[in-house]
């Protein structure tokens, strides 16, 4: 119930004057309950510090819309990424599929992120490929916590 934009933030990451970020917004038409859930997810994210969980960099709550600033995962969600690798009809080739080693590595990264959330007493309510994000270097991170 919102949009995600790419932007540049200044001073949100130590030793980086400018950082490419993802900016998540809540729709202006969202109900008060949805707005509260949006902020609750940001509040929960603030507590997490794991290489396989998308990092919250900040929240802008003055004015409208409220903005949640997160690390940018340039390759998008895992579901879309994997679908983009599907061969087109008549072009079946095993070369377009990620190697098994890479797929197992991705699964391990998701498991690591989930183990971290579990160790921090957080129950993820909607783990799915659409809620895992892929970074520029192909690292996979839990990016949506099933709250919004």
C-alpha atoms as a PDB file:
ATOM      1  CA  UNK A   1       0.000   0.000   0.000  1.00  0.00           C
ATOM      2  CA  UNK A   2       2.743   2.351  -0.999  1.00  0.00           C
ATOM      3  CA  UNK A   3       5.520   2.951  -3.467  1.00  0.00           C
ATOM      4  CA  UNK A   4       9.264   2.406  -3.378  1.00  0.00           C
ATOM      5  CA  UNK A   5      11.564   4.895  -5.068  1.00  0.00           C
ATOM      6  CA  UNK A   6      15.306   5.065  -5.604  1.00  0.00           C
ATOM      7  CA  UNK A   7      17.039   8.139  -4.237  1.00  0.00           C
ATOM      8  CA  UNK A   8      20.243   9.561  -2.837  1.00  0.00           C
ATOM      9  CA  UNK A   9      20.630  10.330   0.866  1.00  0.00           C
ATOM     10  CA  UNK A  10      23.426  12.354   2.379  1.00  0.00           C
ATOM     11  CA  UNK A  11      25.129  11.333   5.596  1.00  0.00           C
ATOM     12  CA  UNK A  12      23.118   8.192   6.350  1.00  0.00           C
ATOM     13  CA  UNK A  13      26.067   5.792   6.058  1.00  0.00           C
ATOM     14  CA  UNK A  14      29.310   6.447   7.909  1.00  0.00           C
ATOM     15  CA  UNK A  15      32.193   7.507   5.650  1.00  0.00           C
ATOM     16  CA  UNK A  16      29.882   7.859   2.626  1.00  0.00           C
ATOM     17  CA  UNK A  17      28.907  11.443   1.724  1.00  0.00           C
ATOM     18  CA  UNK A  18      26.086  10.181  -0.512  1.00  0.00           C
ATOM     19  CA  UNK A  19      24.354   6.812  -0.579  1.00  0.00           C
ATOM     20  CA  UNK A  20      21.911   5.352  -3.105  1.00  0.00           C
ATOM     21  CA  UNK A  21      18.853   4.311  -1.105  1.00  0.00           C
ATOM     22  CA  UNK A  22      15.364   2.869  -1.420  1.00  0.00           C
ATOM     23  CA  UNK A  23      12.635   5.210  -0.192  1.00  0.00           C
ATOM     24  CA  UNK A  24       9.404   3.506   0.826  1.00  0.00           C
ATOM     25  CA  UNK A  25       6.220   5.569   1.155  1.00  0.00           C
ATOM     26  CA  UNK A  26       2.698   4.887   2.305  1.00  0.00           C
ATOM     27  CA  UNK A  27      -0.171   5.944   0.037  1.00  0.00           C
ATOM     28  CA  UNK A  28      -1.900   9.181   0.973  1.00  0.00           C
ATOM     29  CA  UNK A  29      -5.178   7.239   0.834  1.00  0.00           C
ATOM     30  CA  UNK A  30      -3.946   4.701   3.417  1.00  0.00           C
ATOM     31  CA  UNK A  31      -6.050   4.297   6.539  1.00  0.00           C
ATOM     32  CA  UNK A  32      -4.729   5.295   9.948  1.00  0.00           C
ATOM     33  CA  UNK A  33      -4.282   1.588  10.760  1.00  0.00           C
ATOM     34  CA  UNK A  34      -2.174   1.073   7.618  1.00  0.00           C
ATOM     35  CA  UNK A  35      -0.051   4.135   8.459  1.00  0.00           C
ATOM     36  CA  UNK A  36       0.557   2.797  11.965  1.00  0.00           C
ATOM     37  CA  UNK A  37       1.541  -0.639  10.564  1.00  0.00           C
ATOM     38  CA  UNK A  38       3.940   1.101   8.153  1.00  0.00           C
ATOM     39  CA  UNK A  39       5.657   2.923  11.027  1.00  0.00           C
ATOM     40  CA  UNK A  40       5.617  -0.211  13.200  1.00  0.00           C
ATOM     41  CA  UNK A  41       7.529  -2.109  10.509  1.00  0.00           C
ATOM     42  CA  UNK A  42      10.139   0.670  10.425  1.00  0.00           C
ATOM     43  CA  UNK A  43      10.369   0.576  14.212  1.00  0.00           C
ATOM     44  CA  UNK A  44      10.972  -3.181  14.134  1.00  0.00           C
ATOM     45  CA  UNK A  45      13.565  -2.844  11.341  1.00  0.00           C
ATOM     46  CA  UNK A  46      15.504  -0.294  13.397  1.00  0.00           C
ATOM     47  CA  UNK A  47      16.478  -3.045  15.843  1.00  0.00           C
ATOM     48  CA  UNK A  48      17.947  -5.384  13.226  1.00  0.00           C
ATOM     49  CA  UNK A  49      21.633  -5.562  12.330  1.00  0.00           C
ATOM     50  CA  UNK A  50      22.312  -8.565  10.104  1.00  0.00           C
ATOM     51  CA  UNK A  51      24.028  -8.848   6.725  1.00  0.00           C
ATOM     52  CA  UNK A  52      21.070 -10.866   5.398  1.00  0.00           C
ATOM     53  CA  UNK A  53      18.321  -8.499   6.543  1.00  0.00           C
ATOM     54  CA  UNK A  54      17.728  -5.240   4.635  1.00  0.00           C
ATOM     55  CA  UNK A  55      19.047  -2.345   6.707  1.00  0.00           C
ATOM     56  CA  UNK A  56      16.879   0.576   7.786  1.00  0.00           C
ATOM     57  CA  UNK A  57      18.796   3.831   7.342  1.00  0.00           C
ATOM     58  CA  UNK A  58      16.217   6.320   8.569  1.00  0.00           C
ATOM     59  CA  UNK A  59      12.629   7.532   8.823  1.00  0.00           C
ATOM     60  CA  UNK A  60      11.271  10.930   7.825  1.00  0.00           C
ATOM     61  CA  UNK A  61       8.035  11.461   9.722  1.00  0.00           C
ATOM     62  CA  UNK A  62       7.671  15.230   9.422  1.00  0.00           C
ATOM     63  CA  UNK A  63       5.226  16.205   6.723  1.00  0.00           C
ATOM     64  CA  UNK A  64       3.475  13.887   4.316  1.00  0.00           C
ATOM     65  CA  UNK A  65       4.088  11.304   3.112  1.00  0.00           C
ATOM     66  CA  UNK A  66       6.093   9.515   5.778  1.00  0.00           C
ATOM     67  CA  UNK A  67       9.278   8.077   4.263  1.00  0.00           C
ATOM     68  CA  UNK A  68      11.222   4.988   5.294  1.00  0.00           C
ATOM     69  CA  UNK A  69      14.796   5.020   3.971  1.00  0.00           C
ATOM     70  CA  UNK A  70      16.453   1.625   3.462  1.00  0.00           C
ATOM     71  CA  UNK A  71      19.539   0.239   1.792  1.00  0.00           C
ATOM     72  CA  UNK A  72      19.000  -0.094  -1.942  1.00  0.00           C
ATOM     73  CA  UNK A  73      18.676  -3.602  -3.320  1.00  0.00           C
ATOM     74  CA  UNK A  74      19.308  -2.892  -6.999  1.00  0.00           C
ATOM     75  CA  UNK A  75      18.222  -6.241  -8.421  1.00  0.00           C
ATOM     76  CA  UNK A  76      14.758  -6.067  -6.846  1.00  0.00           C
ATOM     77  CA  UNK A  77      12.871  -8.892  -5.235  1.00  0.00           C
ATOM     78  CA  UNK A  78      14.022 -12.497  -5.551  1.00  0.00           C
ATOM     79  CA  UNK A  79      10.835 -13.662  -7.273  1.00  0.00           C
ATOM     80  CA  UNK A  80      11.185 -11.114 -10.093  1.00  0.00           C
ATOM     81  CA  UNK A  81      14.916 -11.736 -10.331  1.00  0.00           C
ATOM     82  CA  UNK A  82      14.461 -15.507 -10.723  1.00  0.00           C
ATOM     83  CA  UNK A  83      11.636 -15.021 -13.225  1.00  0.00           C
ATOM     84  CA  UNK A  84      13.860 -12.728 -15.286  1.00  0.00           C
ATOM     85  CA  UNK A  85      16.280 -15.642 -15.665  1.00  0.00           C
ATOM     86  CA  UNK A  86      13.651 -17.925 -17.172  1.00  0.00           C
ATOM     87  CA  UNK A  87      14.465 -18.741 -20.761  1.00  0.00           C
ATOM     88  CA  UNK A  88      12.132 -17.334 -23.384  1.00  0.00           C
ATOM     89  CA  UNK A  89      10.127 -19.862 -25.372  1.00  0.00           C
ATOM     90  CA  UNK A  90      12.217 -21.591 -28.024  1.00  0.00           C
ATOM     91  CA  UNK A  91      15.405 -20.482 -26.257  1.00  0.00           C
ATOM     92  CA  UNK A  92      15.765 -23.094 -23.538  1.00  0.00           C
ATOM     93  CA  UNK A  93      19.312 -23.046 -22.245  1.00  0.00           C
ATOM     94  CA  UNK A  94      20.752 -24.172 -18.955  1.00  0.00           C
ATOM     95  CA  UNK A  95      23.135 -21.206 -19.233  1.00  0.00           C
ATOM     96  CA  UNK A  96      20.332 -18.814 -18.230  1.00  0.00           C
ATOM     97  CA  UNK A  97      19.719 -20.590 -14.936  1.00  0.00           C
ATOM     98  CA  UNK A  98      21.838 -19.688 -11.901  1.00  0.00           C
ATOM     99  CA  UNK A  99      24.307 -22.438 -11.026  1.00  0.00           C
ATOM    100  CA  UNK A 100      23.250 -24.784  -8.242  1.00  0.00           C
ATOM    101  CA  UNK A 101      26.038 -23.409  -6.044  1.00  0.00           C
ATOM    102  CA  UNK A 102      24.597 -19.877  -6.375  1.00  0.00           C
ATOM    103  CA  UNK A 103      21.051 -21.090  -5.646  1.00  0.00           C
ATOM    104  CA  UNK A 104      22.255 -22.896  -2.514  1.00  0.00           C
ATOM    105  CA  UNK A 105      24.160 -19.779  -1.469  1.00  0.00           C
ATOM    106  CA  UNK A 106      20.983 -17.696  -1.849  1.00  0.00           C
ATOM    107  CA  UNK A 107      19.001 -20.227   0.191  1.00  0.00           C
ATOM    108  CA  UNK A 108      21.695 -20.111   2.884  1.00  0.00           C
ATOM    109  CA  UNK A 109      21.528 -16.313   3.002  1.00  0.00           C
ATOM    110  CA  UNK A 110      17.759 -16.415   3.458  1.00  0.00           C
ATOM    111  CA  UNK A 111      18.160 -19.052   6.180  1.00  0.00           C
ATOM    112  CA  UNK A 112      20.785 -16.879   7.898  1.00  0.00           C
ATOM    113  CA  UNK A 113      18.453 -13.874   7.836  1.00  0.00           C
ATOM    114  CA  UNK A 114      15.577 -15.950   9.209  1.00  0.00           C
ATOM    115  CA  UNK A 115      17.801 -17.457  11.934  1.00  0.00           C
ATOM    116  CA  UNK A 116      18.780 -13.914  12.950  1.00  0.00           C
ATOM    117  CA  UNK A 117      15.122 -12.832  13.118  1.00  0.00           C
ATOM    118  CA  UNK A 118      14.273 -15.953  15.136  1.00  0.00           C
ATOM    119  CA  UNK A 119      17.150 -15.327  17.560  1.00  0.00           C
ATOM    120  CA  UNK A 120      15.725 -11.843  18.066  1.00  0.00           C
ATOM    121  CA  UNK A 121      12.271 -13.256  18.843  1.00  0.00           C
ATOM    122  CA  UNK A 122      10.744 -11.944  15.633  1.00  0.00           C
ATOM    123  CA  UNK A 123       8.221 -14.125  13.812  1.00  0.00           C
ATOM    124  CA  UNK A 124       8.133 -13.410  10.090  1.00  0.00           C
ATOM    125  CA  UNK A 125       4.562 -13.799   8.908  1.00  0.00           C
ATOM    126  CA  UNK A 126       5.099 -13.836   5.161  1.00  0.00           C
ATOM    127  CA  UNK A 127       8.412 -15.303   4.010  1.00  0.00           C
ATOM    128  CA  UNK A 128       8.308 -15.592   0.226  1.00  0.00           C
ATOM    129  CA  UNK A 129      10.610 -14.879  -2.703  1.00  0.00           C
ATOM    130  CA  UNK A 130       8.726 -11.601  -3.268  1.00  0.00           C
ATOM    131  CA  UNK A 131       9.812 -10.480   0.231  1.00  0.00           C
ATOM    132  CA  UNK A 132      13.498 -11.287  -0.247  1.00  0.00           C
ATOM    133  CA  UNK A 133      15.624  -8.684  -1.987  1.00  0.00           C
ATOM    134  CA  UNK A 134      18.684  -9.086  -4.225  1.00  0.00           C
ATOM    135  CA  UNK A 135      21.626  -6.681  -3.974  1.00  0.00           C
ATOM    136  CA  UNK A 136      23.932  -5.591  -6.788  1.00  0.00           C
ATOM    137  CA  UNK A 137      26.431  -8.295  -5.731  1.00  0.00           C
ATOM    138  CA  UNK A 138      23.616 -10.916  -5.704  1.00  0.00           C
ATOM    139  CA  UNK A 139      23.461 -11.098  -1.899  1.00  0.00           C
ATOM    140  CA  UNK A 140      19.913 -11.994  -0.830  1.00  0.00           C
ATOM    141  CA  UNK A 141      18.346 -10.332   2.210  1.00  0.00           C
ATOM    142  CA  UNK A 142      15.010 -10.499   3.985  1.00  0.00           C
ATOM    143  CA  UNK A 143      13.388  -7.240   2.933  1.00  0.00           C
ATOM    144  CA  UNK A 144       9.786  -7.280   4.026  1.00  0.00           C
ATOM    145  CA  UNK A 145       8.660  -8.393   7.433  1.00  0.00           C
ATOM    146  CA  UNK A 146       5.098  -9.396   6.678  1.00  0.00           C
ATOM    147  CA  UNK A 147       3.681  -6.399   8.503  1.00  0.00           C
ATOM    148  CA  UNK A 148       2.571  -4.184   5.609  1.00  0.00           C
END
